[in-house]
Amino acid sequence: MQIQLSKKGHVFSTRPKAHEVFDELFDEKEITLDFTDVESATPSFLHETLLIFKKKNMNLHIENMSNSLKFQLEKARRALI
């Protein structure tokens, strides 16, 4: 399943927003997040997103992420360790 995040907004800044966007996913095992036209995502949003996918045992793939968002994602990934 592919999710184009820009259909749900352009700025993602809170942990509750991650739940708003992703809690509806129940039985999917493979998810591709497309970050085309996403302006910003904070480490807290990305960290919570990673936690949601980890708890649901889902494989997450990311596409079209800007370099600045990749930097934020790496910060979030390091916080999981």
PDB file of N, CA and C in Angstrom:
ATOM      1  N   MET A   1       0.844  -1.171   0.000  1.00  0.00           N
ATOM      2  CA  MET A   1       0.000   0.000   0.000  1.00  0.00           C
ATOM      3  C   MET A   1       0.887   1.231   0.000  1.00  0.00           C
ATOM      4  N   GLN A   2       0.519   2.210  -0.793  1.00  0.00           N
ATOM      5  CA  GLN A   2       1.266   3.462  -0.848  1.00  0.00           C
ATOM      6  C   GLN A   2       0.417   4.583  -0.269  1.00  0.00           C
ATOM      7  N   ILE A   3       1.047   5.411   0.554  1.00  0.00           N
ATOM      8  CA  ILE A   3       0.374   6.569   1.146  1.00  0.00           C
ATOM      9  C   ILE A   3       1.117   7.817   0.716  1.00  0.00           C
ATOM     10  N   GLN A   4       0.404   8.716   0.050  1.00  0.00           N
ATOM     11  CA  GLN A   4       0.988  10.004  -0.314  1.00  0.00           C
ATOM     12  C   GLN A   4       0.652  10.969   0.818  1.00  0.00           C
ATOM     13  N   LEU A   5       1.641  11.280   1.636  1.00  0.00           N
ATOM     14  CA  LEU A   5       1.418  12.098   2.825  1.00  0.00           C
ATOM     15  C   LEU A   5       0.851  13.478   2.518  1.00  0.00           C
ATOM     16  N   SER A   6       1.197  14.036   1.375  1.00  0.00           N
ATOM     17  CA  SER A   6       0.723  15.394   1.060  1.00  0.00           C
ATOM     18  C   SER A   6      -0.799  15.455   0.942  1.00  0.00           C
ATOM     19  N   LYS A   7      -1.459  14.322   0.781  1.00  0.00           N
ATOM     20  CA  LYS A   7      -2.925  14.308   0.771  1.00  0.00           C
ATOM     21  C   LYS A   7      -3.494  14.502   2.176  1.00  0.00           C
ATOM     22  N   LYS A   8      -2.633  14.330   3.188  1.00  0.00           N
ATOM     23  CA  LYS A   8      -3.062  14.475   4.577  1.00  0.00           C
ATOM     24  C   LYS A   8      -2.504  15.735   5.216  1.00  0.00           C
ATOM     25  N   GLY A   9      -1.744  16.513   4.438  1.00  0.00           N
ATOM     26  CA  GLY A   9      -1.169  17.750   4.934  1.00  0.00           C
ATOM     27  C   GLY A   9       0.213  17.970   4.341  1.00  0.00           C
ATOM     28  N   HIS A  10       0.802  19.117   4.692  1.00  0.00           N
ATOM     29  CA  HIS A  10       2.135  19.437   4.188  1.00  0.00           C
ATOM     30  C   HIS A  10       3.141  19.648   5.318  1.00  0.00           C
ATOM     31  N   VAL A  11       2.611  19.785   6.535  1.00  0.00           N
ATOM     32  CA  VAL A  11       3.465  19.971   7.712  1.00  0.00           C
ATOM     33  C   VAL A  11       3.020  18.946   8.757  1.00  0.00           C
ATOM     34  N   PHE A  12       3.966  18.146   9.226  1.00  0.00           N
ATOM     35  CA  PHE A  12       3.680  17.095  10.198  1.00  0.00           C
ATOM     36  C   PHE A  12       4.571  17.337  11.402  1.00  0.00           C
ATOM     37  N   SER A  13       3.956  17.724  12.535  1.00  0.00           N
ATOM     38  CA  SER A  13       4.790  18.212  13.618  1.00  0.00           C
ATOM     39  C   SER A  13       4.556  17.583  14.986  1.00  0.00           C
ATOM     40  N   THR A  14       3.569  16.701  15.130  1.00  0.00           N
ATOM     41  CA  THR A  14       3.297  16.180  16.467  1.00  0.00           C
ATOM     42  C   THR A  14       3.113  14.667  16.465  1.00  0.00           C
ATOM     43  N   ARG A  15       3.285  14.098  17.637  1.00  0.00           N
ATOM     44  CA  ARG A  15       3.023  12.673  17.810  1.00  0.00           C
ATOM     45  C   ARG A  15       1.545  12.352  17.560  1.00  0.00           C
ATOM     46  N   PRO A  16       0.607  13.177  18.073  1.00  0.00           N
ATOM     47  CA  PRO A  16      -0.813  12.899  17.780  1.00  0.00           C
ATOM     48  C   PRO A  16      -1.120  12.924  16.276  1.00  0.00           C
ATOM     49  N   LYS A  17      -0.429  13.764  15.525  1.00  0.00           N
ATOM     50  CA  LYS A  17      -0.638  13.785  14.077  1.00  0.00           C
ATOM     51  C   LYS A  17      -0.225  12.457  13.458  1.00  0.00           C
ATOM     52  N   ALA A  18       0.834  11.849  13.957  1.00  0.00           N
ATOM     53  CA  ALA A  18       1.252  10.543  13.446  1.00  0.00           C
ATOM     54  C   ALA A  18       0.145   9.518  13.677  1.00  0.00           C
ATOM     55  N   HIS A  19      -0.474   9.554  14.848  1.00  0.00           N
ATOM     56  CA  HIS A  19      -1.576   8.623  15.115  1.00  0.00           C
ATOM     57  C   HIS A  19      -2.775   8.922  14.234  1.00  0.00           C
ATOM     58  N   GLU A  20      -3.041  10.185  14.028  1.00  0.00           N
ATOM     59  CA  GLU A  20      -4.153  10.575  13.152  1.00  0.00           C
ATOM     60  C   GLU A  20      -3.950  10.027  11.736  1.00  0.00           C
ATOM     61  N   VAL A  21      -2.742  10.076  11.266  1.00  0.00           N
ATOM     62  CA  VAL A  21      -2.435   9.641   9.901  1.00  0.00           C
ATOM     63  C   VAL A  21      -2.363   8.124   9.784  1.00  0.00           C
ATOM     64  N   PHE A  22      -1.795   7.440  10.785  1.00  0.00           N
ATOM     65  CA  PHE A  22      -1.453   6.034  10.608  1.00  0.00           C
ATOM     66  C   PHE A  22      -2.259   5.032  11.422  1.00  0.00           C
ATOM     67  N   ASP A  23      -3.019   5.458  12.414  1.00  0.00           N
ATOM     68  CA  ASP A  23      -3.743   4.483  13.228  1.00  0.00           C
ATOM     69  C   ASP A  23      -4.799   3.711  12.439  1.00  0.00           C
ATOM     70  N   GLU A  24      -5.214   4.243  11.310  1.00  0.00           N
ATOM     71  CA  GLU A  24      -6.233   3.560  10.505  1.00  0.00           C
ATOM     72  C   GLU A  24      -5.685   2.334   9.772  1.00  0.00           C
ATOM     73  N   LEU A  25      -4.385   2.159   9.761  1.00  0.00           N
ATOM     74  CA  LEU A  25      -3.778   1.026   9.072  1.00  0.00           C
ATOM     75  C   LEU A  25      -3.806  -0.192   9.986  1.00  0.00           C
ATOM     76  N   PHE A  26      -4.520  -1.216   9.587  1.00  0.00           N
ATOM     77  CA  PHE A  26      -4.661  -2.381  10.450  1.00  0.00           C
ATOM     78  C   PHE A  26      -3.927  -3.603   9.919  1.00  0.00           C
ATOM     79  N   ASP A  27      -4.290  -4.068   8.753  1.00  0.00           N
ATOM     80  CA  ASP A  27      -3.808  -5.353   8.262  1.00  0.00           C
ATOM     81  C   ASP A  27      -2.704  -5.258   7.225  1.00  0.00           C
ATOM     82  N   GLU A  28      -2.256  -4.071   6.929  1.00  0.00           N
ATOM     83  CA  GLU A  28      -1.203  -3.919   5.932  1.00  0.00           C
ATOM     84  C   GLU A  28       0.135  -4.360   6.522  1.00  0.00           C
ATOM     85  N   LYS A  29       0.944  -5.008   5.715  1.00  0.00           N
ATOM     86  CA  LYS A  29       2.274  -5.427   6.169  1.00  0.00           C
ATOM     87  C   LYS A  29       3.384  -4.662   5.460  1.00  0.00           C
ATOM     88  N   GLU A  30       3.087  -4.119   4.289  1.00  0.00           N
ATOM     89  CA  GLU A  30       4.057  -3.335   3.513  1.00  0.00           C
ATOM     90  C   GLU A  30       3.447  -1.962   3.236  1.00  0.00           C
ATOM     91  N   ILE A  31       4.122  -0.930   3.667  1.00  0.00           N
ATOM     92  CA  ILE A  31       3.645   0.434   3.444  1.00  0.00           C
ATOM     93  C   ILE A  31       4.771   1.244   2.822  1.00  0.00           C
ATOM     94  N   THR A  32       4.432   2.005   1.795  1.00  0.00           N
ATOM     95  CA  THR A  32       5.369   2.963   1.202  1.00  0.00           C
ATOM     96  C   THR A  32       4.829   4.352   1.486  1.00  0.00           C
ATOM     97  N   LEU A  33       5.633   5.167   2.153  1.00  0.00           N
ATOM     98  CA  LEU A  33       5.268   6.568   2.410  1.00  0.00           C
ATOM     99  C   LEU A  33       5.929   7.439   1.364  1.00  0.00           C
ATOM    100  N   ASP A  34       5.120   8.177   0.650  1.00  0.00           N
ATOM    101  CA  ASP A  34       5.604   9.096  -0.376  1.00  0.00           C
ATOM    102  C   ASP A  34       5.585  10.503   0.210  1.00  0.00           C
ATOM    103  N   PHE A  35       6.752  11.109   0.330  1.00  0.00           N
ATOM    104  CA  PHE A  35       6.882  12.437   0.927  1.00  0.00           C
ATOM    105  C   PHE A  35       6.873  13.566  -0.111  1.00  0.00           C
ATOM    106  N   THR A  36       6.442  13.299  -1.326  1.00  0.00           N
ATOM    107  CA  THR A  36       6.355  14.345  -2.343  1.00  0.00           C
ATOM    108  C   THR A  36       5.486  15.489  -1.819  1.00  0.00           C
ATOM    109  N   ASP A  37       5.971  16.711  -1.935  1.00  0.00           N
ATOM    110  CA  ASP A  37       5.266  17.930  -1.526  1.00  0.00           C
ATOM    111  C   ASP A  37       5.069  18.085  -0.020  1.00  0.00           C
ATOM    112  N   VAL A  38       5.743  17.269   0.793  1.00  0.00           N
ATOM    113  CA  VAL A  38       5.710  17.465   2.247  1.00  0.00           C
ATOM    114  C   VAL A  38       6.770  18.509   2.576  1.00  0.00           C
ATOM    115  N   GLU A  39       6.343  19.578   3.239  1.00  0.00           N
ATOM    116  CA  GLU A  39       7.249  20.684   3.548  1.00  0.00           C
ATOM    117  C   GLU A  39       8.124  20.409   4.759  1.00  0.00           C
ATOM    118  N   SER A  40       7.519  19.820   5.807  1.00  0.00           N
ATOM    119  CA  SER A  40       8.313  19.534   6.997  1.00  0.00           C
ATOM    120  C   SER A  40       7.682  18.416   7.814  1.00  0.00           C
ATOM    121  N   ALA A  41       8.549  17.752   8.544  1.00  0.00           N
ATOM    122  CA  ALA A  41       8.142  16.717   9.493  1.00  0.00           C
ATOM    123  C   ALA A  41       9.158  16.759  10.632  1.00  0.00           C
ATOM    124  N   THR A  42       8.661  16.897  11.826  1.00  0.00           N
ATOM    125  CA  THR A  42       9.555  17.029  12.976  1.00  0.00           C
ATOM    126  C   THR A  42      10.067  15.660  13.426  1.00  0.00           C
ATOM    127  N   PRO A  43      11.166  15.665  14.164  1.00  0.00           N
ATOM    128  CA  PRO A  43      11.650  14.396  14.704  1.00  0.00           C
ATOM    129  C   PRO A  43      10.589  13.681  15.553  1.00  0.00           C
ATOM    130  N   SER A  44       9.783  14.431  16.294  1.00  0.00           N
ATOM    131  CA  SER A  44       8.767  13.770  17.128  1.00  0.00           C
ATOM    132  C   SER A  44       7.706  13.075  16.274  1.00  0.00           C
ATOM    133  N   PHE A  45       7.276  13.708  15.188  1.00  0.00           N
ATOM    134  CA  PHE A  45       6.324  13.058  14.279  1.00  0.00           C
ATOM    135  C   PHE A  45       6.957  11.818  13.662  1.00  0.00           C
ATOM    136  N   LEU A  46       8.175  11.933  13.185  1.00  0.00           N
ATOM    137  CA  LEU A  46       8.851  10.812  12.531  1.00  0.00           C
ATOM    138  C   LEU A  46       9.147   9.690  13.532  1.00  0.00           C
ATOM    139  N   HIS A  47       9.557  10.052  14.738  1.00  0.00           N
ATOM    140  CA  HIS A  47       9.814   9.048  15.769  1.00  0.00           C
ATOM    141  C   HIS A  47       8.538   8.272  16.082  1.00  0.00           C
ATOM    142  N   GLU A  48       7.443   8.965  16.262  1.00  0.00           N
ATOM    143  CA  GLU A  48       6.175   8.298  16.556  1.00  0.00           C
ATOM    144  C   GLU A  48       5.725   7.435  15.383  1.00  0.00           C
ATOM    145  N   THR A  49       5.962   7.913  14.174  1.00  0.00           N
ATOM    146  CA  THR A  49       5.637   7.133  12.975  1.00  0.00           C
ATOM    147  C   THR A  49       6.411   5.816  12.987  1.00  0.00           C
ATOM    148  N   LEU A  50       7.701   5.883  13.271  1.00  0.00           N
ATOM    149  CA  LEU A  50       8.517   4.670  13.327  1.00  0.00           C
ATOM    150  C   LEU A  50       8.025   3.723  14.419  1.00  0.00           C
ATOM    151  N   LEU A  51       7.637   4.275  15.567  1.00  0.00           N
ATOM    152  CA  LEU A  51       7.120   3.443  16.652  1.00  0.00           C
ATOM    153  C   LEU A  51       5.821   2.750  16.259  1.00  0.00           C
ATOM    154  N   ILE A  52       4.935   3.475  15.603  1.00  0.00           N
ATOM    155  CA  ILE A  52       3.659   2.900  15.158  1.00  0.00           C
ATOM    156  C   ILE A  52       3.914   1.725  14.232  1.00  0.00           C
ATOM    157  N   PHE A  53       4.785   1.922  13.267  1.00  0.00           N
ATOM    158  CA  PHE A  53       5.067   0.858  12.305  1.00  0.00           C
ATOM    159  C   PHE A  53       5.769  -0.324  12.972  1.00  0.00           C
ATOM    160  N   LYS A  54       6.640  -0.036  13.941  1.00  0.00           N
ATOM    161  CA  LYS A  54       7.324  -1.108  14.657  1.00  0.00           C
ATOM    162  C   LYS A  54       6.330  -1.919  15.489  1.00  0.00           C
ATOM    163  N   LYS A  55       5.440  -1.242  16.203  1.00  0.00           N
ATOM    164  CA  LYS A  55       4.447  -1.924  17.040  1.00  0.00           C
ATOM    165  C   LYS A  55       3.497  -2.772  16.207  1.00  0.00           C
ATOM    166  N   LYS A  56       3.178  -2.307  15.011  1.00  0.00           N
ATOM    167  CA  LYS A  56       2.268  -3.051  14.143  1.00  0.00           C
ATOM    168  C   LYS A  56       3.003  -4.074  13.277  1.00  0.00           C
ATOM    169  N   ASN A  57       4.318  -4.163  13.478  1.00  0.00           N
ATOM    170  CA  ASN A  57       5.145  -5.119  12.740  1.00  0.00           C
ATOM    171  C   ASN A  57       4.987  -4.954  11.219  1.00  0.00           C
ATOM    172  N   MET A  58       5.047  -3.717  10.767  1.00  0.00           N
ATOM    173  CA  MET A  58       4.889  -3.397   9.350  1.00  0.00           C
ATOM    174  C   MET A  58       6.233  -3.018   8.744  1.00  0.00           C
ATOM    175  N   ASN A  59       6.422  -3.368   7.490  1.00  0.00           N
ATOM    176  CA  ASN A  59       7.604  -2.957   6.749  1.00  0.00           C
ATOM    177  C   ASN A  59       7.351  -1.587   6.146  1.00  0.00           C
ATOM    178  N   LEU A  60       8.234  -0.672   6.411  1.00  0.00           N
ATOM    179  CA  LEU A  60       8.078   0.708   5.974  1.00  0.00           C
ATOM    180  C   LEU A  60       9.125   1.040   4.921  1.00  0.00           C
ATOM    181  N   HIS A  61       8.654   1.592   3.810  1.00  0.00           N
ATOM    182  CA  HIS A  61       9.520   2.086   2.739  1.00  0.00           C
ATOM    183  C   HIS A  61       9.214   3.565   2.559  1.00  0.00           C
ATOM    184  N   ILE A  62      10.251   4.334   2.280  1.00  0.00           N
ATOM    185  CA  ILE A  62      10.088   5.784   2.150  1.00  0.00           C
ATOM    186  C   ILE A  62      10.577   6.232   0.788  1.00  0.00           C
ATOM    187  N   GLU A  63       9.773   7.094   0.154  1.00  0.00           N
ATOM    188  CA  GLU A  63      10.118   7.618  -1.172  1.00  0.00           C
ATOM    189  C   GLU A  63      10.040   9.144  -1.169  1.00  0.00           C
ATOM    190  N   ASN A  64      10.819   9.734  -2.041  1.00  0.00           N
ATOM    191  CA  ASN A  64      10.733  11.168  -2.359  1.00  0.00           C
ATOM    192  C   ASN A  64      10.855  12.068  -1.140  1.00  0.00           C
ATOM    193  N   MET A  65      11.821  11.762  -0.304  1.00  0.00           N
ATOM    194  CA  MET A  65      12.047  12.562   0.893  1.00  0.00           C
ATOM    195  C   MET A  65      13.198  13.524   0.636  1.00  0.00           C
ATOM    196  N   SER A  66      12.999  14.782   0.977  1.00  0.00           N
ATOM    197  CA  SER A  66      14.045  15.788   0.791  1.00  0.00           C
ATOM    198  C   SER A  66      15.217  15.502   1.727  1.00  0.00           C
ATOM    199  N   ASN A  67      16.342  16.098   1.447  1.00  0.00           N
ATOM    200  CA  ASN A  67      17.525  15.890   2.287  1.00  0.00           C
ATOM    201  C   ASN A  67      17.298  16.366   3.713  1.00  0.00           C
ATOM    202  N   SER A  68      16.588  17.468   3.879  1.00  0.00           N
ATOM    203  CA  SER A  68      16.344  17.957   5.239  1.00  0.00           C
ATOM    204  C   SER A  68      15.426  17.005   6.002  1.00  0.00           C
ATOM    205  N   LEU A  69      14.450  16.403   5.318  1.00  0.00           N
ATOM    206  CA  LEU A  69      13.584  15.434   5.976  1.00  0.00           C
ATOM    207  C   LEU A  69      14.345  14.140   6.273  1.00  0.00           C
ATOM    208  N   LYS A  70      15.261  13.766   5.400  1.00  0.00           N
ATOM    209  CA  LYS A  70      16.088  12.581   5.664  1.00  0.00           C
ATOM    210  C   LYS A  70      16.913  12.788   6.928  1.00  0.00           C
ATOM    211  N   PHE A  71      17.415  13.997   7.108  1.00  0.00           N
ATOM    212  CA  PHE A  71      18.179  14.317   8.307  1.00  0.00           C
ATOM    213  C   PHE A  71      17.306  14.142   9.550  1.00  0.00           C
ATOM    214  N   GLN A  72      16.064  14.653   9.492  1.00  0.00           N
ATOM    215  CA  GLN A  72      15.132  14.516  10.621  1.00  0.00           C
ATOM    216  C   GLN A  72      14.801  13.040  10.883  1.00  0.00           C
ATOM    217  N   LEU A  73      14.641  12.269   9.806  1.00  0.00           N
ATOM    218  CA  LEU A  73      14.339  10.846   9.943  1.00  0.00           C
ATOM    219  C   LEU A  73      15.487  10.111  10.638  1.00  0.00           C
ATOM    220  N   GLU A  74      16.713  10.454  10.291  1.00  0.00           N
ATOM    221  CA  GLU A  74      17.858   9.817  10.932  1.00  0.00           C
ATOM    222  C   GLU A  74      17.902  10.140  12.423  1.00  0.00           C
ATOM    223  N   LYS A  75      17.546  11.365  12.785  1.00  0.00           N
ATOM    224  CA  LYS A  75      17.470  11.729  14.194  1.00  0.00           C
ATOM    225  C   LYS A  75      16.439  10.860  14.906  1.00  0.00           C
ATOM    226  N   ALA A  76      15.307  10.672  14.262  1.00  0.00           N
ATOM    227  CA  ALA A  76      14.239   9.854  14.849  1.00  0.00           C
ATOM    228  C   ALA A  76      14.679   8.399  14.975  1.00  0.00           C
ATOM    229  N   ARG A  77      15.345   7.885  13.962  1.00  0.00           N
ATOM    230  CA  ARG A  77      15.820   6.484  14.006  1.00  0.00           C
ATOM    231  C   ARG A  77      16.832   6.288  15.131  1.00  0.00           C
ATOM    232  N   ARG A  78      17.729   7.243  15.293  1.00  0.00           N
ATOM    233  CA  ARG A  78      18.730   7.130  16.371  1.00  0.00           C
ATOM    234  C   ARG A  78      18.067   7.125  17.736  1.00  0.00           C
ATOM    235  N   ALA A  79      16.969   7.827  17.865  1.00  0.00           N
ATOM    236  CA  ALA A  79      16.263   7.884  19.154  1.00  0.00           C
ATOM    237  C   ALA A  79      15.601   6.553  19.500  1.00  0.00           C
ATOM    238  N   LEU A  80      15.374   5.697  18.505  1.00  0.00           N
ATOM    239  CA  LEU A  80      14.760   4.394  18.759  1.00  0.00           C
ATOM    240  C   LEU A  80      15.737   3.400  19.363  1.00  0.00           C
ATOM    241  N   ILE A  81      17.013   3.647  19.174  1.00  0.00           N
ATOM    242  CA  ILE A  81      18.033   2.688  19.632  1.00  0.00           C
ATOM    243  C   ILE A  81      18.231   2.780  21.130  1.00  0.00           C
TER     244      ILE A  81
END
